[in-house]
Amino acid sequence: MDEQLCPLCNGLAQLRLHCPACGGLLRDNGTLQDQLGPYAPYEENSGLRGPAGCMHQVICPFCQAVYHFTLPV
């Protein structure tokens, strides 16, 4: 698999994770880069790129917990 191809961003996979705090199904809130601003993906050494090329912010709609998730390659 291409290291720059994120299965979540490209609709190749669906996120099916449960909240560690309450057990609710987590919702993908998009990439962390998108949350931080338009130039975040282009900044070098920003720490926002995981092995799949991007890090996603996930939110629990029940308890409002926020987590960061990167798919393993």
PDB file of N, CA and C in Angstrom:
ATOM      1  N   MET A   1       0.843  -1.186   0.000  1.00  0.00           N
ATOM      2  CA  MET A   1       0.000   0.000   0.000  1.00  0.00           C
ATOM      3  C   MET A   1       0.883   1.242   0.000  1.00  0.00           C
ATOM      4  N   ASP A   2       0.494   2.251  -0.745  1.00  0.00           N
ATOM      5  CA  ASP A   2       1.226   3.499  -0.818  1.00  0.00           C
ATOM      6  C   ASP A   2       1.205   4.184   0.549  1.00  0.00           C
ATOM      7  N   GLU A   3       2.375   4.636   1.008  1.00  0.00           N
ATOM      8  CA  GLU A   3       2.459   5.268   2.328  1.00  0.00           C
ATOM      9  C   GLU A   3       1.674   6.573   2.399  1.00  0.00           C
ATOM     10  N   GLN A   4       1.437   7.225   1.270  1.00  0.00           N
ATOM     11  CA  GLN A   4       0.728   8.496   1.269  1.00  0.00           C
ATOM     12  C   GLN A   4      -0.779   8.326   1.081  1.00  0.00           C
ATOM     13  N   LEU A   5      -1.251   7.102   0.952  1.00  0.00           N
ATOM     14  CA  LEU A   5      -2.666   6.850   0.720  1.00  0.00           C
ATOM     15  C   LEU A   5      -3.347   6.456   2.032  1.00  0.00           C
ATOM     16  N   CYS A   6      -4.201   7.324   2.524  1.00  0.00           N
ATOM     17  CA  CYS A   6      -4.932   7.039   3.753  1.00  0.00           C
ATOM     18  C   CYS A   6      -6.255   6.372   3.383  1.00  0.00           C
ATOM     19  N   PRO A   7      -6.488   5.148   3.847  1.00  0.00           N
ATOM     20  CA  PRO A   7      -7.741   4.455   3.522  1.00  0.00           C
ATOM     21  C   PRO A   7      -8.986   5.194   4.023  1.00  0.00           C
ATOM     22  N   LEU A   8      -8.882   5.895   5.139  1.00  0.00           N
ATOM     23  CA  LEU A   8     -10.044   6.636   5.652  1.00  0.00           C
ATOM     24  C   LEU A   8     -10.361   7.842   4.779  1.00  0.00           C
ATOM     25  N   CYS A   9      -9.334   8.601   4.410  1.00  0.00           N
ATOM     26  CA  CYS A   9      -9.548   9.800   3.586  1.00  0.00           C
ATOM     27  C   CYS A   9     -10.054   9.449   2.198  1.00  0.00           C
ATOM     28  N   ASN A  10      -9.635   8.301   1.685  1.00  0.00           N
ATOM     29  CA  ASN A  10      -9.978   7.910   0.321  1.00  0.00           C
ATOM     30  C   ASN A  10     -11.194   6.986   0.238  1.00  0.00           C
ATOM     31  N   GLY A  11     -11.898   6.802   1.341  1.00  0.00           N
ATOM     32  CA  GLY A  11     -13.116   6.000   1.342  1.00  0.00           C
ATOM     33  C   GLY A  11     -12.889   4.510   1.140  1.00  0.00           C
ATOM     34  N   LEU A  12     -11.669   4.027   1.401  1.00  0.00           N
ATOM     35  CA  LEU A  12     -11.357   2.614   1.236  1.00  0.00           C
ATOM     36  C   LEU A  12     -11.617   1.815   2.506  1.00  0.00           C
ATOM     37  N   ALA A  13     -11.810   2.498   3.615  1.00  0.00           N
ATOM     38  CA  ALA A  13     -12.067   1.829   4.894  1.00  0.00           C
ATOM     39  C   ALA A  13     -13.002   2.708   5.722  1.00  0.00           C
ATOM     40  N   GLN A  14     -13.723   2.065   6.628  1.00  0.00           N
ATOM     41  CA  GLN A  14     -14.577   2.789   7.555  1.00  0.00           C
ATOM     42  C   GLN A  14     -14.026   2.616   8.964  1.00  0.00           C
ATOM     43  N   LEU A  15     -14.134   3.651   9.744  1.00  0.00           N
ATOM     44  CA  LEU A  15     -13.661   3.619  11.118  1.00  0.00           C
ATOM     45  C   LEU A  15     -14.714   2.943  11.997  1.00  0.00           C
ATOM     46  N   ARG A  16     -14.333   1.879  12.682  1.00  0.00           N
ATOM     47  CA  ARG A  16     -15.240   1.168  13.585  1.00  0.00           C
ATOM     48  C   ARG A  16     -14.522   0.977  14.915  1.00  0.00           C
ATOM     49  N   LEU A  17     -14.366   2.063  15.662  1.00  0.00           N
ATOM     50  CA  LEU A  17     -13.716   2.026  16.968  1.00  0.00           C
ATOM     51  C   LEU A  17     -14.718   2.438  18.033  1.00  0.00           C
ATOM     52  N   HIS A  18     -14.517   1.877  19.219  1.00  0.00           N
ATOM     53  CA  HIS A  18     -15.373   2.230  20.353  1.00  0.00           C
ATOM     54  C   HIS A  18     -14.596   3.083  21.342  1.00  0.00           C
ATOM     55  N   CYS A  19     -15.289   3.990  21.976  1.00  0.00           N
ATOM     56  CA  CYS A  19     -14.699   4.909  22.939  1.00  0.00           C
ATOM     57  C   CYS A  19     -14.192   4.139  24.154  1.00  0.00           C
ATOM     58  N   PRO A  20     -12.931   4.345  24.533  1.00  0.00           N
ATOM     59  CA  PRO A  20     -12.414   3.682  25.723  1.00  0.00           C
ATOM     60  C   PRO A  20     -13.098   4.151  27.009  1.00  0.00           C
ATOM     61  N   ALA A  21     -13.662   5.359  26.998  1.00  0.00           N
ATOM     62  CA  ALA A  21     -14.282   5.910  28.196  1.00  0.00           C
ATOM     63  C   ALA A  21     -15.697   5.376  28.429  1.00  0.00           C
ATOM     64  N   CYS A  22     -16.526   5.331  27.360  1.00  0.00           N
ATOM     65  CA  CYS A  22     -17.930   4.951  27.568  1.00  0.00           C
ATOM     66  C   CYS A  22     -18.395   3.793  26.687  1.00  0.00           C
ATOM     67  N   GLY A  23     -17.607   3.394  25.703  1.00  0.00           N
ATOM     68  CA  GLY A  23     -17.975   2.283  24.839  1.00  0.00           C
ATOM     69  C   GLY A  23     -18.786   2.675  23.618  1.00  0.00           C
ATOM     70  N   GLY A  24     -19.107   3.960  23.464  1.00  0.00           N
ATOM     71  CA  GLY A  24     -19.866   4.410  22.299  1.00  0.00           C
ATOM     72  C   GLY A  24     -19.036   4.320  21.028  1.00  0.00           C
ATOM     73  N   LEU A  25     -19.699   4.288  19.894  1.00  0.00           N
ATOM     74  CA  LEU A  25     -19.025   4.228  18.605  1.00  0.00           C
ATOM     75  C   LEU A  25     -18.454   5.604  18.273  1.00  0.00           C
ATOM     76  N   LEU A  26     -17.143   5.644  18.006  1.00  0.00           N
ATOM     77  CA  LEU A  26     -16.473   6.913  17.713  1.00  0.00           C
ATOM     78  C   LEU A  26     -16.807   7.385  16.304  1.00  0.00           C
ATOM     79  N   ARG A  27     -16.808   8.700  16.123  1.00  0.00           N
ATOM     80  CA  ARG A  27     -17.087   9.328  14.833  1.00  0.00           C
ATOM     81  C   ARG A  27     -15.813   9.989  14.320  1.00  0.00           C
ATOM     82  N   ASP A  28     -15.490   9.751  13.060  1.00  0.00           N
ATOM     83  CA  ASP A  28     -14.320  10.378  12.432  1.00  0.00           C
ATOM     84  C   ASP A  28     -14.637  11.843  12.186  1.00  0.00           C
ATOM     85  N   ASN A  29     -13.817  12.725  12.726  1.00  0.00           N
ATOM     86  CA  ASN A  29     -14.018  14.162  12.569  1.00  0.00           C
ATOM     87  C   ASN A  29     -13.079  14.742  11.520  1.00  0.00           C
ATOM     88  N   GLY A  30     -12.456  13.874  10.723  1.00  0.00           N
ATOM     89  CA  GLY A  30     -11.545  14.339   9.678  1.00  0.00           C
ATOM     90  C   GLY A  30     -10.105  14.328  10.155  1.00  0.00           C
ATOM     91  N   THR A  31      -9.237  14.798   9.299  1.00  0.00           N
ATOM     92  CA  THR A  31      -7.818  14.781   9.628  1.00  0.00           C
ATOM     93  C   THR A  31      -7.470  15.878  10.624  1.00  0.00           C
ATOM     94  N   LEU A  32      -6.475  15.608  11.415  1.00  0.00           N
ATOM     95  CA  LEU A  32      -6.003  16.611  12.369  1.00  0.00           C
ATOM     96  C   LEU A  32      -5.451  17.818  11.624  1.00  0.00           C
ATOM     97  N   GLN A  33      -4.850  17.589  10.467  1.00  0.00           N
ATOM     98  CA  GLN A  33      -4.343  18.687   9.657  1.00  0.00           C
ATOM     99  C   GLN A  33      -5.458  19.649   9.282  1.00  0.00           C
ATOM    100  N   ASP A  34      -6.625  19.110   8.908  1.00  0.00           N
ATOM    101  CA  ASP A  34      -7.757  19.960   8.543  1.00  0.00           C
ATOM    102  C   ASP A  34      -8.247  20.777   9.734  1.00  0.00           C
ATOM    103  N   GLN A  35      -8.152  20.216  10.923  1.00  0.00           N
ATOM    104  CA  GLN A  35      -8.618  20.908  12.127  1.00  0.00           C
ATOM    105  C   GLN A  35      -7.701  22.076  12.499  1.00  0.00           C
ATOM    106  N   LEU A  36      -6.414  21.969  12.146  1.00  0.00           N
ATOM    107  CA  LEU A  36      -5.432  22.966  12.571  1.00  0.00           C
ATOM    108  C   LEU A  36      -5.205  24.097  11.585  1.00  0.00           C
ATOM    109  N   GLY A  37      -5.757  23.998  10.389  1.00  0.00           N
ATOM    110  CA  GLY A  37      -5.626  25.102   9.448  1.00  0.00           C
ATOM    111  C   GLY A  37      -5.199  24.655   8.072  1.00  0.00           C
ATOM    112  N   PRO A  38      -5.332  25.554   7.093  1.00  0.00           N
ATOM    113  CA  PRO A  38      -5.093  25.178   5.702  1.00  0.00           C
ATOM    114  C   PRO A  38      -3.644  24.852   5.366  1.00  0.00           C
ATOM    115  N   TYR A  39      -2.685  25.357   6.130  1.00  0.00           N
ATOM    116  CA  TYR A  39      -1.281  25.106   5.803  1.00  0.00           C
ATOM    117  C   TYR A  39      -0.652  23.994   6.641  1.00  0.00           C
ATOM    118  N   ALA A  40      -1.373  23.444   7.589  1.00  0.00           N
ATOM    119  CA  ALA A  40      -0.831  22.409   8.472  1.00  0.00           C
ATOM    120  C   ALA A  40      -0.288  21.188   7.731  1.00  0.00           C
ATOM    121  N   PRO A  41      -0.954  20.675   6.679  1.00  0.00           N
ATOM    122  CA  PRO A  41      -0.409  19.493   6.001  1.00  0.00           C
ATOM    123  C   PRO A  41       0.912  19.747   5.288  1.00  0.00           C
ATOM    124  N   TYR A  42       1.221  21.029   5.015  1.00  0.00           N
ATOM    125  CA  TYR A  42       2.423  21.350   4.248  1.00  0.00           C
ATOM    126  C   TYR A  42       3.607  21.734   5.123  1.00  0.00           C
ATOM    127  N   GLU A  43       3.411  21.843   6.417  1.00  0.00           N
ATOM    128  CA  GLU A  43       4.491  22.203   7.319  1.00  0.00           C
ATOM    129  C   GLU A  43       5.338  20.978   7.623  1.00  0.00           C
ATOM    130  N   GLU A  44       6.644  21.107   7.422  1.00  0.00           N
ATOM    131  CA  GLU A  44       7.541  19.991   7.690  1.00  0.00           C
ATOM    132  C   GLU A  44       7.706  19.791   9.188  1.00  0.00           C
ATOM    133  N   ASN A  45       7.900  18.536   9.582  1.00  0.00           N
ATOM    134  CA  ASN A  45       8.140  18.166  10.979  1.00  0.00           C
ATOM    135  C   ASN A  45       7.039  18.651  11.907  1.00  0.00           C
ATOM    136  N   SER A  46       5.821  18.685  11.412  1.00  0.00           N
ATOM    137  CA  SER A  46       4.719  19.161  12.246  1.00  0.00           C
ATOM    138  C   SER A  46       4.244  18.095  13.228  1.00  0.00           C
ATOM    139  N   GLY A  47       4.651  16.833  13.011  1.00  0.00           N
ATOM    140  CA  GLY A  47       4.219  15.771  13.896  1.00  0.00           C
ATOM    141  C   GLY A  47       2.811  15.303  13.633  1.00  0.00           C
ATOM    142  N   LEU A  48       2.218  15.741  12.521  1.00  0.00           N
ATOM    143  CA  LEU A  48       0.833  15.398  12.229  1.00  0.00           C
ATOM    144  C   LEU A  48       0.706  14.221  11.282  1.00  0.00           C
ATOM    145  N   ARG A  49       1.802  13.776  10.720  1.00  0.00           N
ATOM    146  CA  ARG A  49       1.744  12.678   9.764  1.00  0.00           C
ATOM    147  C   ARG A  49       2.097  11.379  10.449  1.00  0.00           C
ATOM    148  N   GLY A  50       1.212  10.402  10.309  1.00  0.00           N
ATOM    149  CA  GLY A  50       1.473   9.075  10.834  1.00  0.00           C
ATOM    150  C   GLY A  50       1.961   8.178   9.717  1.00  0.00           C
ATOM    151  N   PRO A  51       2.056   6.882   9.981  1.00  0.00           N
ATOM    152  CA  PRO A  51       2.536   5.972   8.952  1.00  0.00           C
ATOM    153  C   PRO A  51       1.628   5.897   7.732  1.00  0.00           C
ATOM    154  N   ALA A  52       0.362   6.228   7.866  1.00  0.00           N
ATOM    155  CA  ALA A  52      -0.552   6.196   6.722  1.00  0.00           C
ATOM    156  C   ALA A  52      -0.607   7.538   6.012  1.00  0.00           C
ATOM    157  N   GLY A  53       0.139   8.522   6.492  1.00  0.00           N
ATOM    158  CA  GLY A  53       0.167   9.819   5.842  1.00  0.00           C
ATOM    159  C   GLY A  53      -0.659  10.886   6.533  1.00  0.00           C
ATOM    160  N   CYS A  54      -1.570  10.502   7.415  1.00  0.00           N
ATOM    161  CA  CYS A  54      -2.337  11.508   8.142  1.00  0.00           C
ATOM    162  C   CYS A  54      -2.878  10.937   9.445  1.00  0.00           C
ATOM    163  N   MET A  55      -3.186  11.830  10.340  1.00  0.00           N
ATOM    164  CA  MET A  55      -3.737  11.461  11.633  1.00  0.00           C
ATOM    165  C   MET A  55      -5.167  12.005  11.693  1.00  0.00           C
ATOM    166  N   HIS A  56      -6.088  11.177  12.159  1.00  0.00           N
ATOM    167  CA  HIS A  56      -7.491  11.579  12.240  1.00  0.00           C
ATOM    168  C   HIS A  56      -7.875  11.916  13.663  1.00  0.00           C
ATOM    169  N   GLN A  57      -8.777  12.884  13.782  1.00  0.00           N
ATOM    170  CA  GLN A  57      -9.377  13.210  15.067  1.00  0.00           C
ATOM    171  C   GLN A  57     -10.696  12.454  15.137  1.00  0.00           C
ATOM    172  N   VAL A  58     -10.907  11.709  16.198  1.00  0.00           N
ATOM    173  CA  VAL A  58     -12.160  10.980  16.386  1.00  0.00           C
ATOM    174  C   VAL A  58     -12.833  11.486  17.658  1.00  0.00           C
ATOM    175  N   ILE A  59     -14.157  11.546  17.612  1.00  0.00           N
ATOM    176  CA  ILE A  59     -14.935  12.105  18.716  1.00  0.00           C
ATOM    177  C   ILE A  59     -16.032  11.127  19.100  1.00  0.00           C
ATOM    178  N   CYS A  60     -16.259  11.005  20.398  1.00  0.00           N
ATOM    179  CA  CYS A  60     -17.371  10.200  20.878  1.00  0.00           C
ATOM    180  C   CYS A  60     -18.594  11.111  20.989  1.00  0.00           C
ATOM    181  N   PRO A  61     -19.665  10.813  20.260  1.00  0.00           N
ATOM    182  CA  PRO A  61     -20.847  11.672  20.330  1.00  0.00           C
ATOM    183  C   PRO A  61     -21.600  11.558  21.654  1.00  0.00           C
ATOM    184  N   PHE A  62     -21.268  10.558  22.458  1.00  0.00           N
ATOM    185  CA  PHE A  62     -21.973  10.351  23.726  1.00  0.00           C
ATOM    186  C   PHE A  62     -21.312  11.083  24.891  1.00  0.00           C
ATOM    187  N   CYS A  63     -19.991  10.898  25.054  1.00  0.00           N
ATOM    188  CA  CYS A  63     -19.312  11.527  26.194  1.00  0.00           C
ATOM    189  C   CYS A  63     -18.403  12.688  25.786  1.00  0.00           C
ATOM    190  N   GLN A  64     -18.340  12.982  24.471  1.00  0.00           N
ATOM    191  CA  GLN A  64     -17.571  14.098  23.916  1.00  0.00           C
ATOM    192  C   GLN A  64     -16.053  13.937  24.052  1.00  0.00           C
ATOM    193  N   ALA A  65     -15.572  12.735  24.326  1.00  0.00           N
ATOM    194  CA  ALA A  65     -14.130  12.496  24.401  1.00  0.00           C
ATOM    195  C   ALA A  65     -13.528  12.631  23.001  1.00  0.00           C
ATOM    196  N   VAL A  66     -12.321  13.185  22.912  1.00  0.00           N
ATOM    197  CA  VAL A  66     -11.628  13.395  21.649  1.00  0.00           C
ATOM    198  C   VAL A  66     -10.337  12.601  21.671  1.00  0.00           C
ATOM    199  N   TYR A  67     -10.068  11.873  20.580  1.00  0.00           N
ATOM    200  CA  TYR A  67      -8.866  11.066  20.461  1.00  0.00           C
ATOM    201  C   TYR A  67      -8.238  11.306  19.091  1.00  0.00           C
ATOM    202  N   HIS A  68      -6.977  10.939  18.953  1.00  0.00           N
ATOM    203  CA  HIS A  68      -6.289  11.002  17.675  1.00  0.00           C
ATOM    204  C   HIS A  68      -5.930   9.585  17.260  1.00  0.00           C
ATOM    205  N   PHE A  69      -6.143   9.274  15.985  1.00  0.00           N
ATOM    206  CA  PHE A  69      -6.013   7.916  15.509  1.00  0.00           C
ATOM    207  C   PHE A  69      -5.296   7.891  14.166  1.00  0.00           C
ATOM    208  N   THR A  70      -4.343   6.984  14.013  1.00  0.00           N
ATOM    209  CA  THR A  70      -3.672   6.750  12.738  1.00  0.00           C
ATOM    210  C   THR A  70      -3.767   5.270  12.418  1.00  0.00           C
ATOM    211  N   LEU A  71      -4.166   4.948  11.197  1.00  0.00           N
ATOM    212  CA  LEU A  71      -4.237   3.559  10.782  1.00  0.00           C
ATOM    213  C   LEU A  71      -2.830   2.968  10.644  1.00  0.00           C
ATOM    214  N   PRO A  72      -2.598   1.775  11.171  1.00  0.00           N
ATOM    215  CA  PRO A  72      -1.299   1.144  10.929  1.00  0.00           C
ATOM    216  C   PRO A  72      -1.190   0.687   9.488  1.00  0.00           C
ATOM    217  N   VAL A  73       0.015   0.756   8.959  1.00  0.00           N
ATOM    218  CA  VAL A  73       0.251   0.357   7.563  1.00  0.00           C
ATOM    219  C   VAL A  73       0.535  -1.118   7.501  1.00  0.00           C
TER     220      VAL A  73
END
